[in-house]
Amino acid sequence: MEFKLAEKSPNHFSYEYEQEGKKLAEIEWNLRGNLMDMTHTYVSDDLRGQGVAKKLLDQAAEYARENNYKMNAICSYVIAAFDKSNVYDDVKA
């Protein structure tokens, strides 16, 4: 599964997964300086239960690491993932 980085506006980004032109999953954030406000995670019913949301978060966390950004958990999925695991401690705001 390959995610595409999309720039929705100058400070609004996402990683997206599409099949046949239909968006099936995404994680979105707004960039404020070196802070990624993680605002939304979506996974279609067709992909639920396959760990896609975690893969999206992992991709976004890798992006944060590569760019020396921190992630501010706003989306309920990201909040829960941050609470459950210390894997993201280095990128938590």
PDB file of N, CA and C in Angstrom:
ATOM      1  N   MET A   1       0.847  -1.177   0.000  1.00  0.00           N
ATOM      2  CA  MET A   1       0.000   0.000   0.000  1.00  0.00           C
ATOM      3  C   MET A   1       0.890   1.237   0.000  1.00  0.00           C
ATOM      4  N   GLU A   2       0.665   2.098  -0.959  1.00  0.00           N
ATOM      5  CA  GLU A   2       1.482   3.302  -1.097  1.00  0.00           C
ATOM      6  C   GLU A   2       0.626   4.541  -0.879  1.00  0.00           C
ATOM      7  N   PHE A   3       1.131   5.439  -0.044  1.00  0.00           N
ATOM      8  CA  PHE A   3       0.422   6.674   0.263  1.00  0.00           C
ATOM      9  C   PHE A   3       1.062   7.827  -0.497  1.00  0.00           C
ATOM     10  N   LYS A   4       0.210   8.735  -0.978  1.00  0.00           N
ATOM     11  CA  LYS A   4       0.670   9.887  -1.742  1.00  0.00           C
ATOM     12  C   LYS A   4       0.572  11.127  -0.862  1.00  0.00           C
ATOM     13  N   LEU A   5       1.656  11.900  -0.819  1.00  0.00           N
ATOM     14  CA  LEU A   5       1.644  13.170  -0.105  1.00  0.00           C
ATOM     15  C   LEU A   5       0.915  14.198  -0.965  1.00  0.00           C
ATOM     16  N   ALA A   6      -0.086  14.850  -0.383  1.00  0.00           N
ATOM     17  CA  ALA A   6      -0.860  15.853  -1.114  1.00  0.00           C
ATOM     18  C   ALA A   6      -0.781  17.190  -0.385  1.00  0.00           C
ATOM     19  N   GLU A   7      -0.528  18.244  -1.147  1.00  0.00           N
ATOM     20  CA  GLU A   7      -0.570  19.599  -0.599  1.00  0.00           C
ATOM     21  C   GLU A   7      -1.918  20.188  -0.976  1.00  0.00           C
ATOM     22  N   LYS A   8      -2.800  20.294   0.005  1.00  0.00           N
ATOM     23  CA  LYS A   8      -4.162  20.758  -0.239  1.00  0.00           C
ATOM     24  C   LYS A   8      -4.232  22.275  -0.305  1.00  0.00           C
ATOM     25  N   SER A   9      -3.345  22.951   0.421  1.00  0.00           N
ATOM     26  CA  SER A   9      -3.155  24.394   0.386  1.00  0.00           C
ATOM     27  C   SER A   9      -1.770  24.643   0.970  1.00  0.00           C
ATOM     28  N   PRO A  10      -1.290  25.873   0.996  1.00  0.00           N
ATOM     29  CA  PRO A  10       0.097  26.099   1.426  1.00  0.00           C
ATOM     30  C   PRO A  10       0.473  25.496   2.783  1.00  0.00           C
ATOM     31  N   ASN A  11      -0.454  25.402   3.738  1.00  0.00           N
ATOM     32  CA  ASN A  11      -0.131  24.843   5.050  1.00  0.00           C
ATOM     33  C   ASN A  11      -1.017  23.660   5.424  1.00  0.00           C
ATOM     34  N   HIS A  12      -1.661  23.053   4.454  1.00  0.00           N
ATOM     35  CA  HIS A  12      -2.583  21.936   4.695  1.00  0.00           C
ATOM     36  C   HIS A  12      -2.142  20.753   3.832  1.00  0.00           C
ATOM     37  N   PHE A  13      -1.789  19.646   4.511  1.00  0.00           N
ATOM     38  CA  PHE A  13      -1.231  18.490   3.818  1.00  0.00           C
ATOM     39  C   PHE A  13      -1.955  17.213   4.226  1.00  0.00           C
ATOM     40  N   SER A  14      -1.733  16.164   3.457  1.00  0.00           N
ATOM     41  CA  SER A  14      -2.261  14.854   3.830  1.00  0.00           C
ATOM     42  C   SER A  14      -1.455  13.767   3.134  1.00  0.00           C
ATOM     43  N   TYR A  15      -1.541  12.582   3.703  1.00  0.00           N
ATOM     44  CA  TYR A  15      -1.144  11.370   2.998  1.00  0.00           C
ATOM     45  C   TYR A  15      -2.444  10.690   2.629  1.00  0.00           C
ATOM     46  N   GLU A  16      -2.544  10.252   1.372  1.00  0.00           N
ATOM     47  CA  GLU A  16      -3.781   9.675   0.863  1.00  0.00           C
ATOM     48  C   GLU A  16      -3.516   8.337   0.194  1.00  0.00           C
ATOM     49  N   TYR A  17      -4.528   7.489   0.247  1.00  0.00           N
ATOM     50  CA  TYR A  17      -4.506   6.224  -0.485  1.00  0.00           C
ATOM     51  C   TYR A  17      -5.736   6.195  -1.371  1.00  0.00           C
ATOM     52  N   GLU A  18      -5.513   6.035  -2.659  1.00  0.00           N
ATOM     53  CA  GLU A  18      -6.605   5.984  -3.627  1.00  0.00           C
ATOM     54  C   GLU A  18      -6.546   4.688  -4.419  1.00  0.00           C
ATOM     55  N   GLN A  19      -7.710   4.241  -4.825  1.00  0.00           N
ATOM     56  CA  GLN A  19      -7.831   3.104  -5.731  1.00  0.00           C
ATOM     57  C   GLN A  19      -8.867   3.471  -6.773  1.00  0.00           C
ATOM     58  N   GLU A  20      -8.499   3.337  -8.028  1.00  0.00           N
ATOM     59  CA  GLU A  20      -9.400   3.641  -9.139  1.00  0.00           C
ATOM     60  C   GLU A  20     -10.027   5.033  -8.997  1.00  0.00           C
ATOM     61  N   GLY A  21      -9.202   6.013  -8.571  1.00  0.00           N
ATOM     62  CA  GLY A  21      -9.648   7.388  -8.458  1.00  0.00           C
ATOM     63  C   GLY A  21     -10.509   7.690  -7.247  1.00  0.00           C
ATOM     64  N   LYS A  22     -10.695   6.715  -6.354  1.00  0.00           N
ATOM     65  CA  LYS A  22     -11.516   6.922  -5.155  1.00  0.00           C
ATOM     66  C   LYS A  22     -10.613   6.938  -3.926  1.00  0.00           C
ATOM     67  N   LYS A  23     -10.755   7.990  -3.116  1.00  0.00           N
ATOM     68  CA  LYS A  23      -9.962   8.101  -1.893  1.00  0.00           C
ATOM     69  C   LYS A  23     -10.501   7.109  -0.870  1.00  0.00           C
ATOM     70  N   LEU A  24      -9.633   6.206  -0.414  1.00  0.00           N
ATOM     71  CA  LEU A  24     -10.048   5.195   0.546  1.00  0.00           C
ATOM     72  C   LEU A  24      -9.488   5.434   1.944  1.00  0.00           C
ATOM     73  N   ALA A  25      -8.454   6.267   2.040  1.00  0.00           N
ATOM     74  CA  ALA A  25      -7.868   6.541   3.352  1.00  0.00           C
ATOM     75  C   ALA A  25      -7.029   7.809   3.267  1.00  0.00           C
ATOM     76  N   GLU A  26      -6.962   8.527   4.411  1.00  0.00           N
ATOM     77  CA  GLU A  26      -6.099   9.701   4.473  1.00  0.00           C
ATOM     78  C   GLU A  26      -5.859  10.105   5.919  1.00  0.00           C
ATOM     79  N   ILE A  27      -4.755  10.799   6.107  1.00  0.00           N
ATOM     80  CA  ILE A  27      -4.463  11.472   7.365  1.00  0.00           C
ATOM     81  C   ILE A  27      -4.078  12.897   7.005  1.00  0.00           C
ATOM     82  N   GLU A  28      -4.676  13.877   7.692  1.00  0.00           N
ATOM     83  CA  GLU A  28      -4.480  15.285   7.351  1.00  0.00           C
ATOM     84  C   GLU A  28      -3.844  16.056   8.497  1.00  0.00           C
ATOM     85  N   TRP A  29      -3.116  17.110   8.115  1.00  0.00           N
ATOM     86  CA  TRP A  29      -2.563  18.013   9.118  1.00  0.00           C
ATOM     87  C   TRP A  29      -2.402  19.411   8.550  1.00  0.00           C
ATOM     88  N   ASN A  30      -2.390  20.367   9.471  1.00  0.00           N
ATOM     89  CA  ASN A  30      -2.068  21.754   9.158  1.00  0.00           C
ATOM     90  C   ASN A  30      -0.690  22.026   9.737  1.00  0.00           C
ATOM     91  N   LEU A  31       0.143  22.654   8.962  1.00  0.00           N
ATOM     92  CA  LEU A  31       1.508  22.941   9.377  1.00  0.00           C
ATOM     93  C   LEU A  31       1.594  24.371   9.904  1.00  0.00           C
ATOM     94  N   ARG A  32       2.053  24.502  11.141  1.00  0.00           N
ATOM     95  CA  ARG A  32       2.283  25.815  11.759  1.00  0.00           C
ATOM     96  C   ARG A  32       3.729  25.843  12.222  1.00  0.00           C
ATOM     97  N   GLY A  33       4.595  26.490  11.455  1.00  0.00           N
ATOM     98  CA  GLY A  33       6.020  26.486  11.774  1.00  0.00           C
ATOM     99  C   GLY A  33       6.542  25.071  11.703  1.00  0.00           C
ATOM    100  N   ASN A  34       7.054  24.552  12.831  1.00  0.00           N
ATOM    101  CA  ASN A  34       7.543  23.173  12.828  1.00  0.00           C
ATOM    102  C   ASN A  34       6.569  22.236  13.547  1.00  0.00           C
ATOM    103  N   LEU A  35       5.290  22.622  13.608  1.00  0.00           N
ATOM    104  CA  LEU A  35       4.269  21.838  14.289  1.00  0.00           C
ATOM    105  C   LEU A  35       3.218  21.345  13.294  1.00  0.00           C
ATOM    106  N   MET A  36       2.986  20.045  13.302  1.00  0.00           N
ATOM    107  CA  MET A  36       1.951  19.432  12.481  1.00  0.00           C
ATOM    108  C   MET A  36       0.719  19.213  13.359  1.00  0.00           C
ATOM    109  N   ASP A  37      -0.349  19.989  13.129  1.00  0.00           N
ATOM    110  CA  ASP A  37      -1.610  19.783  13.834  1.00  0.00           C
ATOM    111  C   ASP A  37      -2.358  18.657  13.130  1.00  0.00           C
ATOM    112  N   MET A  38      -2.376  17.481  13.736  1.00  0.00           N
ATOM    113  CA  MET A  38      -2.982  16.292  13.134  1.00  0.00           C
ATOM    114  C   MET A  38      -4.497  16.372  13.328  1.00  0.00           C
ATOM    115  N   THR A  39      -5.217  16.745  12.256  1.00  0.00           N
ATOM    116  CA  THR A  39      -6.619  17.118  12.384  1.00  0.00           C
ATOM    117  C   THR A  39      -7.627  16.039  12.001  1.00  0.00           C
ATOM    118  N   HIS A  40      -7.226  15.071  11.173  1.00  0.00           N
ATOM    119  CA  HIS A  40      -8.241  14.155  10.652  1.00  0.00           C
ATOM    120  C   HIS A  40      -7.591  12.871  10.149  1.00  0.00           C
ATOM    121  N   THR A  41      -8.224  11.750  10.464  1.00  0.00           N
ATOM    122  CA  THR A  41      -7.834  10.455   9.906  1.00  0.00           C
ATOM    123  C   THR A  41      -9.099   9.783   9.401  1.00  0.00           C
ATOM    124  N   TYR A  42      -9.029   9.257   8.182  1.00  0.00           N
ATOM    125  CA  TYR A  42     -10.181   8.594   7.580  1.00  0.00           C
ATOM    126  C   TYR A  42      -9.730   7.298   6.931  1.00  0.00           C
ATOM    127  N   VAL A  43     -10.494   6.229   7.179  1.00  0.00           N
ATOM    128  CA  VAL A  43     -10.290   4.952   6.499  1.00  0.00           C
ATOM    129  C   VAL A  43     -11.666   4.440   6.088  1.00  0.00           C
ATOM    130  N   SER A  44     -11.819   4.100   4.815  1.00  0.00           N
ATOM    131  CA  SER A  44     -13.118   3.624   4.328  1.00  0.00           C
ATOM    132  C   SER A  44     -13.474   2.290   4.980  1.00  0.00           C
ATOM    133  N   ASP A  45     -14.750   1.995   4.979  1.00  0.00           N
ATOM    134  CA  ASP A  45     -15.220   0.729   5.552  1.00  0.00           C
ATOM    135  C   ASP A  45     -14.553  -0.470   4.874  1.00  0.00           C
ATOM    136  N   ASP A  46     -14.236  -0.349   3.590  1.00  0.00           N
ATOM    137  CA  ASP A  46     -13.613  -1.449   2.845  1.00  0.00           C
ATOM    138  C   ASP A  46     -12.242  -1.831   3.400  1.00  0.00           C
ATOM    139  N   LEU A  47     -11.564  -0.879   4.051  1.00  0.00           N
ATOM    140  CA  LEU A  47     -10.200  -1.123   4.530  1.00  0.00           C
ATOM    141  C   LEU A  47     -10.103  -1.233   6.051  1.00  0.00           C
ATOM    142  N   ARG A  48     -11.195  -1.039   6.746  1.00  0.00           N
ATOM    143  CA  ARG A  48     -11.148  -1.061   8.216  1.00  0.00           C
ATOM    144  C   ARG A  48     -10.685  -2.420   8.717  1.00  0.00           C
ATOM    145  N   GLY A  49      -9.961  -2.374   9.835  1.00  0.00           N
ATOM    146  CA  GLY A  49      -9.473  -3.600  10.456  1.00  0.00           C
ATOM    147  C   GLY A  49      -8.192  -4.142   9.854  1.00  0.00           C
ATOM    148  N   GLN A  50      -7.587  -3.388   8.941  1.00  0.00           N
ATOM    149  CA  GLN A  50      -6.364  -3.836   8.273  1.00  0.00           C
ATOM    150  C   GLN A  50      -5.135  -3.031   8.710  1.00  0.00           C
ATOM    151  N   GLY A  51      -5.291  -2.193   9.728  1.00  0.00           N
ATOM    152  CA  GLY A  51      -4.166  -1.411  10.224  1.00  0.00           C
ATOM    153  C   GLY A  51      -3.787  -0.231   9.345  1.00  0.00           C
ATOM    154  N   VAL A  52      -4.696   0.199   8.486  1.00  0.00           N
ATOM    155  CA  VAL A  52      -4.399   1.278   7.542  1.00  0.00           C
ATOM    156  C   VAL A  52      -4.193   2.607   8.269  1.00  0.00           C
ATOM    157  N   ALA A  53      -5.008   2.896   9.266  1.00  0.00           N
ATOM    158  CA  ALA A  53      -4.853   4.160  10.000  1.00  0.00           C
ATOM    159  C   ALA A  53      -3.478   4.229  10.655  1.00  0.00           C
ATOM    160  N   LYS A  54      -3.026   3.127  11.224  1.00  0.00           N
ATOM    161  CA  LYS A  54      -1.687   3.101  11.833  1.00  0.00           C
ATOM    162  C   LYS A  54      -0.605   3.311  10.780  1.00  0.00           C
ATOM    163  N   LYS A  55      -0.768   2.699   9.620  1.00  0.00           N
ATOM    164  CA  LYS A  55       0.209   2.889   8.536  1.00  0.00           C
ATOM    165  C   LYS A  55       0.256   4.354   8.107  1.00  0.00           C
ATOM    166  N   LEU A  56      -0.899   4.996   8.035  1.00  0.00           N
ATOM    167  CA  LEU A  56      -0.941   6.419   7.695  1.00  0.00           C
ATOM    168  C   LEU A  56      -0.230   7.251   8.758  1.00  0.00           C
ATOM    169  N   LEU A  57      -0.517   6.957  10.027  1.00  0.00           N
ATOM    170  CA  LEU A  57       0.130   7.689  11.110  1.00  0.00           C
ATOM    171  C   LEU A  57       1.635   7.450  11.103  1.00  0.00           C
ATOM    172  N   ASP A  58       2.048   6.220  10.848  1.00  0.00           N
ATOM    173  CA  ASP A  58       3.476   5.919  10.774  1.00  0.00           C
ATOM    174  C   ASP A  58       4.150   6.720   9.654  1.00  0.00           C
ATOM    175  N   GLN A  59       3.470   6.830   8.521  1.00  0.00           N
ATOM    176  CA  GLN A  59       4.002   7.601   7.392  1.00  0.00           C
ATOM    177  C   GLN A  59       4.123   9.076   7.763  1.00  0.00           C
ATOM    178  N   ALA A  60       3.099   9.614   8.413  1.00  0.00           N
ATOM    179  CA  ALA A  60       3.131  11.015   8.832  1.00  0.00           C
ATOM    180  C   ALA A  60       4.222  11.243   9.884  1.00  0.00           C
ATOM    181  N   ALA A  61       4.399  10.294  10.787  1.00  0.00           N
ATOM    182  CA  ALA A  61       5.445  10.409  11.805  1.00  0.00           C
ATOM    183  C   ALA A  61       6.829  10.387  11.160  1.00  0.00           C
ATOM    184  N   GLU A  62       6.994   9.570  10.144  1.00  0.00           N
ATOM    185  CA  GLU A  62       8.274   9.537   9.433  1.00  0.00           C
ATOM    186  C   GLU A  62       8.530  10.876   8.735  1.00  0.00           C
ATOM    187  N   TYR A  63       7.494  11.455   8.157  1.00  0.00           N
ATOM    188  CA  TYR A  63       7.590  12.775   7.535  1.00  0.00           C
ATOM    189  C   TYR A  63       8.015  13.807   8.575  1.00  0.00           C
ATOM    190  N   ALA A  64       7.408  13.733   9.762  1.00  0.00           N
ATOM    191  CA  ALA A  64       7.765  14.655  10.853  1.00  0.00           C
ATOM    192  C   ALA A  64       9.236  14.489  11.233  1.00  0.00           C
ATOM    193  N   ARG A  65       9.688  13.263  11.351  1.00  0.00           N
ATOM    194  CA  ARG A  65      11.093  13.007  11.716  1.00  0.00           C
ATOM    195  C   ARG A  65      12.049  13.549  10.655  1.00  0.00           C
ATOM    196  N   GLU A  66      11.734  13.314   9.400  1.00  0.00           N
ATOM    197  CA  GLU A  66      12.604  13.752   8.304  1.00  0.00           C
ATOM    198  C   GLU A  66      12.716  15.273   8.245  1.00  0.00           C
ATOM    199  N   ASN A  67      11.664  15.976   8.688  1.00  0.00           N
ATOM    200  CA  ASN A  67      11.626  17.435   8.592  1.00  0.00           C
ATOM    201  C   ASN A  67      11.803  18.144   9.930  1.00  0.00           C
ATOM    202  N   ASN A  68      12.128  17.379  10.975  1.00  0.00           N
ATOM    203  CA  ASN A  68      12.298  17.922  12.328  1.00  0.00           C
ATOM    204  C   ASN A  68      11.052  18.657  12.811  1.00  0.00           C
ATOM    205  N   TYR A  69       9.881  18.058  12.539  1.00  0.00           N
ATOM    206  CA  TYR A  69       8.609  18.589  12.990  1.00  0.00           C
ATOM    207  C   TYR A  69       8.134  17.831  14.222  1.00  0.00           C
ATOM    208  N   LYS A  70       7.225  18.440  14.952  1.00  0.00           N
ATOM    209  CA  LYS A  70       6.521  17.785  16.049  1.00  0.00           C
ATOM    210  C   LYS A  70       5.059  17.649  15.645  1.00  0.00           C
ATOM    211  N   MET A  71       4.378  16.664  16.227  1.00  0.00           N
ATOM    212  CA  MET A  71       2.990  16.393  15.888  1.00  0.00           C
ATOM    213  C   MET A  71       2.089  16.718  17.080  1.00  0.00           C
ATOM    214  N   ASN A  72       1.099  17.563  16.838  1.00  0.00           N
ATOM    215  CA  ASN A  72       0.106  17.924  17.832  1.00  0.00           C
ATOM    216  C   ASN A  72      -1.154  17.100  17.561  1.00  0.00           C
ATOM    217  N   ALA A  73      -1.486  16.193  18.482  1.00  0.00           N
ATOM    218  CA  ALA A  73      -2.630  15.301  18.292  1.00  0.00           C
ATOM    219  C   ALA A  73      -3.942  16.035  18.555  1.00  0.00           C
ATOM    220  N   ILE A  74      -4.740  16.213  17.509  1.00  0.00           N
ATOM    221  CA  ILE A  74      -6.066  16.810  17.613  1.00  0.00           C
ATOM    222  C   ILE A  74      -7.124  15.760  17.259  1.00  0.00           C
ATOM    223  N   CYS A  75      -6.885  15.025  16.210  1.00  0.00           N
ATOM    224  CA  CYS A  75      -7.766  13.947  15.754  1.00  0.00           C
ATOM    225  C   CYS A  75      -7.841  12.847  16.822  1.00  0.00           C
ATOM    226  N   SER A  76      -9.028  12.317  17.033  1.00  0.00           N
ATOM    227  CA  SER A  76      -9.226  11.304  18.086  1.00  0.00           C
ATOM    228  C   SER A  76      -8.374  10.059  17.856  1.00  0.00           C
ATOM    229  N   TYR A  77      -8.179   9.660  16.595  1.00  0.00           N
ATOM    230  CA  TYR A  77      -7.345   8.482  16.332  1.00  0.00           C
ATOM    231  C   TYR A  77      -5.898   8.739  16.749  1.00  0.00           C
ATOM    232  N   VAL A  78      -5.366   9.893  16.399  1.00  0.00           N
ATOM    233  CA  VAL A  78      -3.975  10.212  16.731  1.00  0.00           C
ATOM    234  C   VAL A  78      -3.815  10.341  18.247  1.00  0.00           C
ATOM    235  N   ILE A  79      -4.770  10.948  18.907  1.00  0.00           N
ATOM    236  CA  ILE A  79      -4.724  11.045  20.366  1.00  0.00           C
ATOM    237  C   ILE A  79      -4.640   9.649  20.976  1.00  0.00           C
ATOM    238  N   ALA A  80      -5.513   8.753  20.539  1.00  0.00           N
ATOM    239  CA  ALA A  80      -5.535   7.381  21.072  1.00  0.00           C
ATOM    240  C   ALA A  80      -4.236   6.643  20.775  1.00  0.00           C
ATOM    241  N   ALA A  81      -3.716   6.798  19.558  1.00  0.00           N
ATOM    242  CA  ALA A  81      -2.473   6.120  19.183  1.00  0.00           C
ATOM    243  C   ALA A  81      -1.301   6.628  20.015  1.00  0.00           C
ATOM    244  N   PHE A  82      -1.249   7.925  20.247  1.00  0.00           N
ATOM    245  CA  PHE A  82      -0.185   8.507  21.075  1.00  0.00           C
ATOM    246  C   PHE A  82      -0.277   7.997  22.512  1.00  0.00           C
ATOM    247  N   ASP A  83      -1.507   7.839  23.010  1.00  0.00           N
ATOM    248  CA  ASP A  83      -1.701   7.357  24.374  1.00  0.00           C
ATOM    249  C   ASP A  83      -1.321   5.885  24.534  1.00  0.00           C
ATOM    250  N   LYS A  84      -1.532   5.089  23.491  1.00  0.00           N
ATOM    251  CA  LYS A  84      -1.309   3.639  23.551  1.00  0.00           C
ATOM    252  C   LYS A  84       0.138   3.225  23.349  1.00  0.00           C
ATOM    253  N   SER A  85       0.931   4.060  22.691  1.00  0.00           N
ATOM    254  CA  SER A  85       2.269   3.636  22.290  1.00  0.00           C
ATOM    255  C   SER A  85       3.299   4.732  22.534  1.00  0.00           C
ATOM    256  N   ASN A  86       4.496   4.301  22.880  1.00  0.00           N
ATOM    257  CA  ASN A  86       5.594   5.267  23.028  1.00  0.00           C
ATOM    258  C   ASN A  86       6.428   5.386  21.749  1.00  0.00           C
ATOM    259  N   VAL A  87       5.999   4.732  20.693  1.00  0.00           N
ATOM    260  CA  VAL A  87       6.705   4.766  19.404  1.00  0.00           C
ATOM    261  C   VAL A  87       6.794   6.186  18.848  1.00  0.00           C
ATOM    262  N   TYR A  88       5.820   7.013  19.202  1.00  0.00           N
ATOM    263  CA  TYR A  88       5.747   8.363  18.656  1.00  0.00           C
ATOM    264  C   TYR A  88       6.273   9.427  19.610  1.00  0.00           C
ATOM    265  N   ASP A  89       6.840   9.027  20.732  1.00  0.00           N
ATOM    266  CA  ASP A  89       7.287   9.994  21.738  1.00  0.00           C
ATOM    267  C   ASP A  89       8.235  11.052  21.172  1.00  0.00           C
ATOM    268  N   ASP A  90       9.062  10.659  20.225  1.00  0.00           N
ATOM    269  CA  ASP A  90      10.046  11.606  19.678  1.00  0.00           C
ATOM    270  C   ASP A  90       9.416  12.697  18.812  1.00  0.00           C
ATOM    271  N   VAL A  91       8.188  12.487  18.362  1.00  0.00           N
ATOM    272  CA  VAL A  91       7.527  13.485  17.502  1.00  0.00           C
ATOM    273  C   VAL A  91       6.330  14.145  18.169  1.00  0.00           C
ATOM    274  N   LYS A  92       5.987  13.720  19.374  1.00  0.00           N
ATOM    275  CA  LYS A  92       4.854  14.346  20.079  1.00  0.00           C
ATOM    276  C   LYS A  92       5.192  15.780  20.443  1.00  0.00           C
ATOM    277  N   ALA A  93       4.217  16.667  20.253  1.00  0.00           N
ATOM    278  CA  ALA A  93       4.399  18.070  20.632  1.00  0.00           C
ATOM    279  C   ALA A  93       4.210  18.215  22.139  1.00  0.00           C
TER     280      ALA A  93
END
